[in-house]
PDB file of all heavy atoms in Angstrom:
ATOM      1  N   LEU A   1       0.808  -1.226  -0.006  1.00  0.00           N
ATOM      2  CA  LEU A   1       0.003  -0.011   0.000  1.00  0.00           C
ATOM      3  C   LEU A   1       0.848   1.256   0.005  1.00  0.00           C
ATOM      4  O   LEU A   1       0.348   2.344  -0.316  1.00  0.00           O
ATOM      5  CB  LEU A   1      -0.906   0.003   1.224  1.00  0.00           C
ATOM      6  CG  LEU A   1      -2.108  -0.931   1.216  1.00  0.00           C
ATOM      7  CD1 LEU A   1      -2.773  -0.975   2.593  1.00  0.00           C
ATOM      8  CD2 LEU A   1      -3.137  -0.554   0.163  1.00  0.00           C
ATOM      9  N   GLY A   2       2.115   1.137   0.366  1.00  0.00           N
ATOM     10  CA  GLY A   2       2.983   2.298   0.463  1.00  0.00           C
ATOM     11  C   GLY A   2       3.135   2.839   1.864  1.00  0.00           C
ATOM     12  O   GLY A   2       3.667   3.939   2.037  1.00  0.00           O
ATOM     13  N   ILE A   3       2.660   2.085   2.837  1.00  0.00           N
ATOM     14  CA  ILE A   3       2.804   2.491   4.230  1.00  0.00           C
ATOM     15  C   ILE A   3       4.035   1.772   4.817  1.00  0.00           C
ATOM     16  O   ILE A   3       3.950   0.663   5.357  1.00  0.00           O
ATOM     17  CB  ILE A   3       1.532   2.133   5.066  1.00  0.00           C
ATOM     18  CG1 ILE A   3       0.330   2.820   4.411  1.00  0.00           C
ATOM     19  CG2 ILE A   3       1.675   2.575   6.508  1.00  0.00           C
ATOM     20  CD1 ILE A   3      -0.993   2.479   5.088  1.00  0.00           C
ATOM     21  N   GLN A   4       5.182   2.410   4.636  1.00  0.00           N
ATOM     22  CA  GLN A   4       6.462   1.817   5.031  1.00  0.00           C
ATOM     23  C   GLN A   4       7.484   2.913   5.143  1.00  0.00           C
ATOM     24  O   GLN A   4       7.365   3.978   4.525  1.00  0.00           O
ATOM     25  CB  GLN A   4       6.895   0.773   4.000  1.00  0.00           C
ATOM     26  CG  GLN A   4       7.033   1.347   2.601  1.00  0.00           C
ATOM     27  CD  GLN A   4       7.673   0.391   1.626  1.00  0.00           C
ATOM     28  OE1 GLN A   4       8.448  -0.499   2.011  1.00  0.00           O
ATOM     29  NE2 GLN A   4       7.364   0.525   0.351  1.00  0.00           N
ATOM     30  N   PRO A   5       8.567   2.697   5.908  1.00  0.00           N
ATOM     31  CA  PRO A   5       9.641   3.712   6.017  1.00  0.00           C
ATOM     32  C   PRO A   5      10.374   3.913   4.683  1.00  0.00           C
ATOM     33  O   PRO A   5      10.743   5.040   4.356  1.00  0.00           O
ATOM     34  CB  PRO A   5      10.550   3.143   7.081  1.00  0.00           C
ATOM     35  CG  PRO A   5       9.747   2.144   7.841  1.00  0.00           C
ATOM     36  CD  PRO A   5       8.791   1.569   6.839  1.00  0.00           C
ATOM     37  N   SER A   6      10.596   2.832   3.953  1.00  0.00           N
ATOM     38  CA  SER A   6      11.356   2.947   2.704  1.00  0.00           C
ATOM     39  C   SER A   6      10.638   3.847   1.703  1.00  0.00           C
ATOM     40  O   SER A   6       9.455   3.690   1.435  1.00  0.00           O
ATOM     41  CB  SER A   6      11.522   1.544   2.083  1.00  0.00           C
ATOM     42  OG  SER A   6      12.181   1.609   0.855  1.00  0.00           O
ATOM     43  N   GLY A   7      11.412   4.782   1.143  1.00  0.00           N
ATOM     44  CA  GLY A   7      10.857   5.676   0.142  1.00  0.00           C
ATOM     45  C   GLY A   7      10.155   6.892   0.697  1.00  0.00           C
ATOM     46  O   GLY A   7       9.724   7.789  -0.062  1.00  0.00           O
ATOM     47  N   PHE A   8      10.065   7.012   2.021  1.00  0.00           N
ATOM     48  CA  PHE A   8       9.348   8.130   2.630  1.00  0.00           C
ATOM     49  C   PHE A   8       9.998   9.468   2.304  1.00  0.00           C
ATOM     50  O   PHE A   8       9.297  10.435   1.908  1.00  0.00           O
ATOM     51  CB  PHE A   8       9.285   7.974   4.151  1.00  0.00           C
ATOM     52  CG  PHE A   8       8.833   9.216   4.880  1.00  0.00           C
ATOM     53  CD1 PHE A   8       7.508   9.643   4.786  1.00  0.00           C
ATOM     54  CD2 PHE A   8       9.717   9.987   5.593  1.00  0.00           C
ATOM     55  CE1 PHE A   8       7.093  10.785   5.455  1.00  0.00           C
ATOM     56  CE2 PHE A   8       9.324  11.145   6.258  1.00  0.00           C
ATOM     57  CZ  PHE A   8       8.019  11.549   6.184  1.00  0.00           C
ATOM     58  N   PHE A   9      11.328   9.548   2.426  1.00  0.00           N
ATOM     59  CA  PHE A   9      12.005  10.817   2.198  1.00  0.00           C
ATOM     60  C   PHE A   9      11.837  11.299   0.735  1.00  0.00           C
ATOM     61  O   PHE A   9      11.571  12.458   0.473  1.00  0.00           O
ATOM     62  CB  PHE A   9      13.491  10.692   2.520  1.00  0.00           C
ATOM     63  CG  PHE A   9      14.262  11.993   2.403  1.00  0.00           C
ATOM     64  CD1 PHE A   9      14.088  13.004   3.315  1.00  0.00           C
ATOM     65  CD2 PHE A   9      15.140  12.198   1.342  1.00  0.00           C
ATOM     66  CE1 PHE A   9      14.774  14.200   3.195  1.00  0.00           C
ATOM     67  CE2 PHE A   9      15.846  13.372   1.216  1.00  0.00           C
ATOM     68  CZ  PHE A   9      15.651  14.376   2.136  1.00  0.00           C
ATOM     69  N   ARG A  10      11.968  10.370  -0.208  1.00  0.00           N
ATOM     70  CA  ARG A  10      11.782  10.720  -1.631  1.00  0.00           C
ATOM     71  C   ARG A  10      10.323  11.146  -1.890  1.00  0.00           C
ATOM     72  O   ARG A  10      10.058  12.121  -2.611  1.00  0.00           O
ATOM     73  CB  ARG A  10      12.165   9.571  -2.526  1.00  0.00           C
ATOM     74  CG  ARG A  10      13.662   9.319  -2.629  1.00  0.00           C
ATOM     75  CD  ARG A  10      13.989   8.363  -3.751  1.00  0.00           C
ATOM     76  NE  ARG A  10      13.298   7.077  -3.550  1.00  0.00           N
ATOM     77  CZ  ARG A  10      12.794   6.362  -4.537  1.00  0.00           C
ATOM     78  NH1 ARG A  10      12.845   6.775  -5.791  1.00  0.00           N
ATOM     79  NH2 ARG A  10      12.224   5.195  -4.271  1.00  0.00           N
ATOM     80  N   SER A  11       9.388  10.393  -1.304  1.00  0.00           N
ATOM     81  CA  SER A  11       7.989  10.755  -1.475  1.00  0.00           C
ATOM     82  C   SER A  11       7.696  12.140  -0.942  1.00  0.00           C
ATOM     83  O   SER A  11       6.993  12.930  -1.579  1.00  0.00           O
ATOM     84  CB  SER A  11       7.122   9.718  -0.770  1.00  0.00           C
ATOM     85  OG  SER A  11       5.769  10.055  -0.719  1.00  0.00           O
ATOM     86  N   LEU A  12       8.237  12.439   0.216  1.00  0.00           N
ATOM     87  CA  LEU A  12       8.022  13.758   0.833  1.00  0.00           C
ATOM     88  C   LEU A  12       8.666  14.864   0.005  1.00  0.00           C
ATOM     89  O   LEU A  12       8.044  15.892  -0.265  1.00  0.00           O
ATOM     90  CB  LEU A  12       8.603  13.777   2.244  1.00  0.00           C
ATOM     91  CG  LEU A  12       8.458  15.054   3.038  1.00  0.00           C
ATOM     92  CD1 LEU A  12       6.981  15.420   3.229  1.00  0.00           C
ATOM     93  CD2 LEU A  12       9.162  14.955   4.380  1.00  0.00           C
ATOM     94  N   CYS A  13       9.892  14.648  -0.451  1.00  0.00           N
ATOM     95  CA  CYS A  13      10.616  15.679  -1.217  1.00  0.00           C
ATOM     96  C   CYS A  13       9.938  15.945  -2.574  1.00  0.00           C
ATOM     97  O   CYS A  13       9.714  17.102  -2.948  1.00  0.00           O
ATOM     98  CB  CYS A  13      12.055  15.265  -1.442  1.00  0.00           C
ATOM     99  SG  CYS A  13      13.080  15.334   0.051  1.00  0.00           S
ATOM    100  N   TYR A  14       9.587  14.903  -3.295  1.00  0.00           N
ATOM    101  CA  TYR A  14       8.918  15.081  -4.594  1.00  0.00           C
ATOM    102  C   TYR A  14       7.608  15.833  -4.445  1.00  0.00           C
ATOM    103  O   TYR A  14       7.311  16.757  -5.212  1.00  0.00           O
ATOM    104  CB  TYR A  14       8.633  13.729  -5.249  1.00  0.00           C
ATOM    105  CG  TYR A  14       9.874  12.962  -5.687  1.00  0.00           C
ATOM    106  CD1 TYR A  14       9.829  11.588  -5.900  1.00  0.00           C
ATOM    107  CD2 TYR A  14      11.086  13.604  -5.926  1.00  0.00           C
ATOM    108  CE1 TYR A  14      10.933  10.866  -6.316  1.00  0.00           C
ATOM    109  CE2 TYR A  14      12.195  12.914  -6.346  1.00  0.00           C
ATOM    110  CZ  TYR A  14      12.132  11.541  -6.546  1.00  0.00           C
ATOM    111  OH  TYR A  14      13.218  10.825  -6.936  1.00  0.00           O
ATOM    112  N   SER A  15       6.831  15.421  -3.445  1.00  0.00           N
ATOM    113  CA  SER A  15       5.507  16.045  -3.267  1.00  0.00           C
ATOM    114  C   SER A  15       5.616  17.484  -2.768  1.00  0.00           C
ATOM    115  O   SER A  15       4.799  18.352  -3.119  1.00  0.00           O
ATOM    116  CB  SER A  15       4.621  15.200  -2.379  1.00  0.00           C
ATOM    117  OG  SER A  15       5.271  14.795  -1.190  1.00  0.00           O
ATOM    118  N   LEU A  16       6.643  17.776  -1.959  1.00  0.00           N
ATOM    119  CA  LEU A  16       6.858  19.140  -1.498  1.00  0.00           C
ATOM    120  C   LEU A  16       7.247  20.043  -2.661  1.00  0.00           C
ATOM    121  O   LEU A  16       6.806  21.206  -2.722  1.00  0.00           O
ATOM    122  CB  LEU A  16       7.939  19.184  -0.425  1.00  0.00           C
ATOM    123  CG  LEU A  16       7.489  18.815   1.016  1.00  0.00           C
ATOM    124  CD1 LEU A  16       8.727  18.758   1.954  1.00  0.00           C
ATOM    125  CD2 LEU A  16       6.465  19.812   1.534  1.00  0.00           C
ATOM    126  N   VAL A  17       8.074  19.540  -3.548  1.00  0.00           N
ATOM    127  CA  VAL A  17       8.479  20.322  -4.741  1.00  0.00           C
ATOM    128  C   VAL A  17       7.234  20.619  -5.581  1.00  0.00           C
ATOM    129  O   VAL A  17       7.024  21.764  -6.046  1.00  0.00           O
ATOM    130  CB  VAL A  17       9.532  19.554  -5.565  1.00  0.00           C
ATOM    131  CG1 VAL A  17       9.722  20.219  -6.921  1.00  0.00           C
ATOM    132  CG2 VAL A  17      10.842  19.511  -4.829  1.00  0.00           C
ATOM    133  N   TYR A  18       6.401  19.604  -5.768  1.00  0.00           N
ATOM    134  CA  TYR A  18       5.165  19.839  -6.552  1.00  0.00           C
ATOM    135  C   TYR A  18       4.238  20.840  -5.853  1.00  0.00           C
ATOM    136  O   TYR A  18       3.642  21.709  -6.513  1.00  0.00           O
ATOM    137  CB  TYR A  18       4.451  18.526  -6.771  1.00  0.00           C
ATOM    138  CG  TYR A  18       3.196  18.679  -7.618  1.00  0.00           C
ATOM    139  CD1 TYR A  18       3.257  19.001  -8.965  1.00  0.00           C
ATOM    140  CD2 TYR A  18       1.926  18.541  -7.050  1.00  0.00           C
ATOM    141  CE1 TYR A  18       2.127  19.187  -9.720  1.00  0.00           C
ATOM    142  CE2 TYR A  18       0.777  18.721  -7.803  1.00  0.00           C
ATOM    143  CZ  TYR A  18       0.894  19.027  -9.127  1.00  0.00           C
ATOM    144  OH  TYR A  18      -0.256  19.206  -9.885  1.00  0.00           O
ATOM    145  N   PHE A  19       4.153  20.735  -4.542  1.00  0.00           N
ATOM    146  CA  PHE A  19       3.300  21.658  -3.777  1.00  0.00           C
ATOM    147  C   PHE A  19       3.803  23.081  -3.949  1.00  0.00           C
ATOM    148  O   PHE A  19       2.999  24.006  -4.185  1.00  0.00           O
ATOM    149  CB  PHE A  19       3.358  21.262  -2.276  1.00  0.00           C
ATOM    150  CG  PHE A  19       2.676  22.248  -1.361  1.00  0.00           C
ATOM    151  CD1 PHE A  19       1.295  22.324  -1.329  1.00  0.00           C
ATOM    152  CD2 PHE A  19       3.408  23.092  -0.562  1.00  0.00           C
ATOM    153  CE1 PHE A  19       0.654  23.221  -0.470  1.00  0.00           C
ATOM    154  CE2 PHE A  19       2.787  23.991   0.295  1.00  0.00           C
ATOM    155  CZ  PHE A  19       1.397  24.073   0.336  1.00  0.00           C
ATOM    156  N   ALA A  20       5.108  23.285  -3.898  1.00  0.00           N
ATOM    157  CA  ALA A  20       5.669  24.618  -4.056  1.00  0.00           C
ATOM    158  C   ALA A  20       5.402  25.176  -5.441  1.00  0.00           C
ATOM    159  O   ALA A  20       5.019  26.352  -5.605  1.00  0.00           O
ATOM    160  CB  ALA A  20       7.171  24.604  -3.769  1.00  0.00           C
ATOM    161  N   ILE A  21       5.584  24.326  -6.463  1.00  0.00           N
ATOM    162  CA  ILE A  21       5.314  24.752  -7.838  1.00  0.00           C
ATOM    163  C   ILE A  21       3.849  25.077  -8.040  1.00  0.00           C
ATOM    164  O   ILE A  21       3.464  26.087  -8.635  1.00  0.00           O
ATOM    165  CB  ILE A  21       5.760  23.664  -8.832  1.00  0.00           C
ATOM    166  CG1 ILE A  21       7.277  23.487  -8.792  1.00  0.00           C
ATOM    167  CG2 ILE A  21       5.291  23.973 -10.254  1.00  0.00           C
ATOM    168  CD1 ILE A  21       7.775  22.326  -9.597  1.00  0.00           C
ATOM    169  N   PHE A  22       2.994  24.207  -7.529  1.00  0.00           N
ATOM    170  CA  PHE A  22       1.545  24.372  -7.665  1.00  0.00           C
ATOM    171  C   PHE A  22       1.064  25.660  -7.007  1.00  0.00           C
ATOM    172  O   PHE A  22       0.334  26.448  -7.611  1.00  0.00           O
ATOM    173  CB  PHE A  22       0.833  23.166  -7.034  1.00  0.00           C
ATOM    174  CG  PHE A  22      -0.647  23.173  -7.171  1.00  0.00           C
ATOM    175  CD1 PHE A  22      -1.262  22.563  -8.250  1.00  0.00           C
ATOM    176  CD2 PHE A  22      -1.447  23.754  -6.213  1.00  0.00           C
ATOM    177  CE1 PHE A  22      -2.632  22.535  -8.392  1.00  0.00           C
ATOM    178  CE2 PHE A  22      -2.833  23.747  -6.323  1.00  0.00           C
ATOM    179  CZ  PHE A  22      -3.427  23.155  -7.420  1.00  0.00           C
ATOM    180  N   LYS A  23       1.518  25.915  -5.775  1.00  0.00           N
ATOM    181  CA  LYS A  23       1.105  27.116  -5.063  1.00  0.00           C
ATOM    182  C   LYS A  23       1.694  28.363  -5.725  1.00  0.00           C
ATOM    183  O   LYS A  23       1.004  29.377  -5.837  1.00  0.00           O
ATOM    184  CB  LYS A  23       1.530  27.029  -3.600  1.00  0.00           C
ATOM    185  CG  LYS A  23       0.827  25.933  -2.806  1.00  0.00           C
ATOM    186  CD  LYS A  23      -0.676  26.148  -2.738  1.00  0.00           C
ATOM    187  CE  LYS A  23      -1.037  27.374  -1.913  1.00  0.00           C
ATOM    188  NZ  LYS A  23      -2.514  27.536  -1.752  1.00  0.00           N
ATOM    189  N   GLY A  24       2.945  28.274  -6.121  1.00  0.00           N
ATOM    190  CA  GLY A  24       3.576  29.416  -6.766  1.00  0.00           C
ATOM    191  C   GLY A  24       2.902  29.796  -8.059  1.00  0.00           C
ATOM    192  O   GLY A  24       2.643  30.985  -8.334  1.00  0.00           O
ATOM    193  N   ALA A  25       2.570  28.812  -8.881  1.00  0.00           N
ATOM    194  CA  ALA A  25       1.891  29.030 -10.155  1.00  0.00           C
ATOM    195  C   ALA A  25       0.493  29.622  -9.904  1.00  0.00           C
ATOM    196  O   ALA A  25       0.041  30.514 -10.654  1.00  0.00           O
ATOM    197  CB  ALA A  25       1.786  27.752 -10.937  1.00  0.00           C
ATOM    198  N   GLY A  26      -0.190  29.117  -8.855  1.00  0.00           N
ATOM    199  CA  GLY A  26      -1.500  29.635  -8.554  1.00  0.00           C
ATOM    200  C   GLY A  26      -1.479  31.091  -8.127  1.00  0.00           C
ATOM    201  O   GLY A  26      -2.336  31.891  -8.540  1.00  0.00           O
ATOM    202  N   ILE A  27      -0.496  31.471  -7.351  1.00  0.00           N
ATOM    203  CA  ILE A  27      -0.368  32.877  -6.904  1.00  0.00           C
ATOM    204  C   ILE A  27      -0.038  33.777  -8.111  1.00  0.00           C
ATOM    205  O   ILE A  27      -0.584  34.872  -8.223  1.00  0.00           O
ATOM    206  CB  ILE A  27       0.712  32.985  -5.809  1.00  0.00           C
ATOM    207  CG1 ILE A  27       0.225  32.289  -4.536  1.00  0.00           C
ATOM    208  CG2 ILE A  27       1.032  34.448  -5.536  1.00  0.00           C
ATOM    209  CD1 ILE A  27       1.256  32.228  -3.459  1.00  0.00           C
ATOM    210  N   LEU A  28       0.870  33.322  -8.968  1.00  0.00           N
ATOM    211  CA  LEU A  28       1.213  34.118 -10.136  1.00  0.00           C
ATOM    212  C   LEU A  28       0.025  34.292 -11.081  1.00  0.00           C
ATOM    213  O   LEU A  28      -0.158  35.351 -11.671  1.00  0.00           O
ATOM    214  CB  LEU A  28       2.365  33.445 -10.896  1.00  0.00           C
ATOM    215  CG  LEU A  28       3.755  33.514 -10.221  1.00  0.00           C
ATOM    216  CD1 LEU A  28       4.760  32.713 -11.045  1.00  0.00           C
ATOM    217  CD2 LEU A  28       4.220  34.969 -10.091  1.00  0.00           C
TER     218      LEU A  28
END
């Protein structure tokens, strides 16, 4: 299901980058 320690840091980093891009584009 994806509920495990492995891959957590990459999952968090990728999604944070997307969040920043998404919010930045929305504000612009």
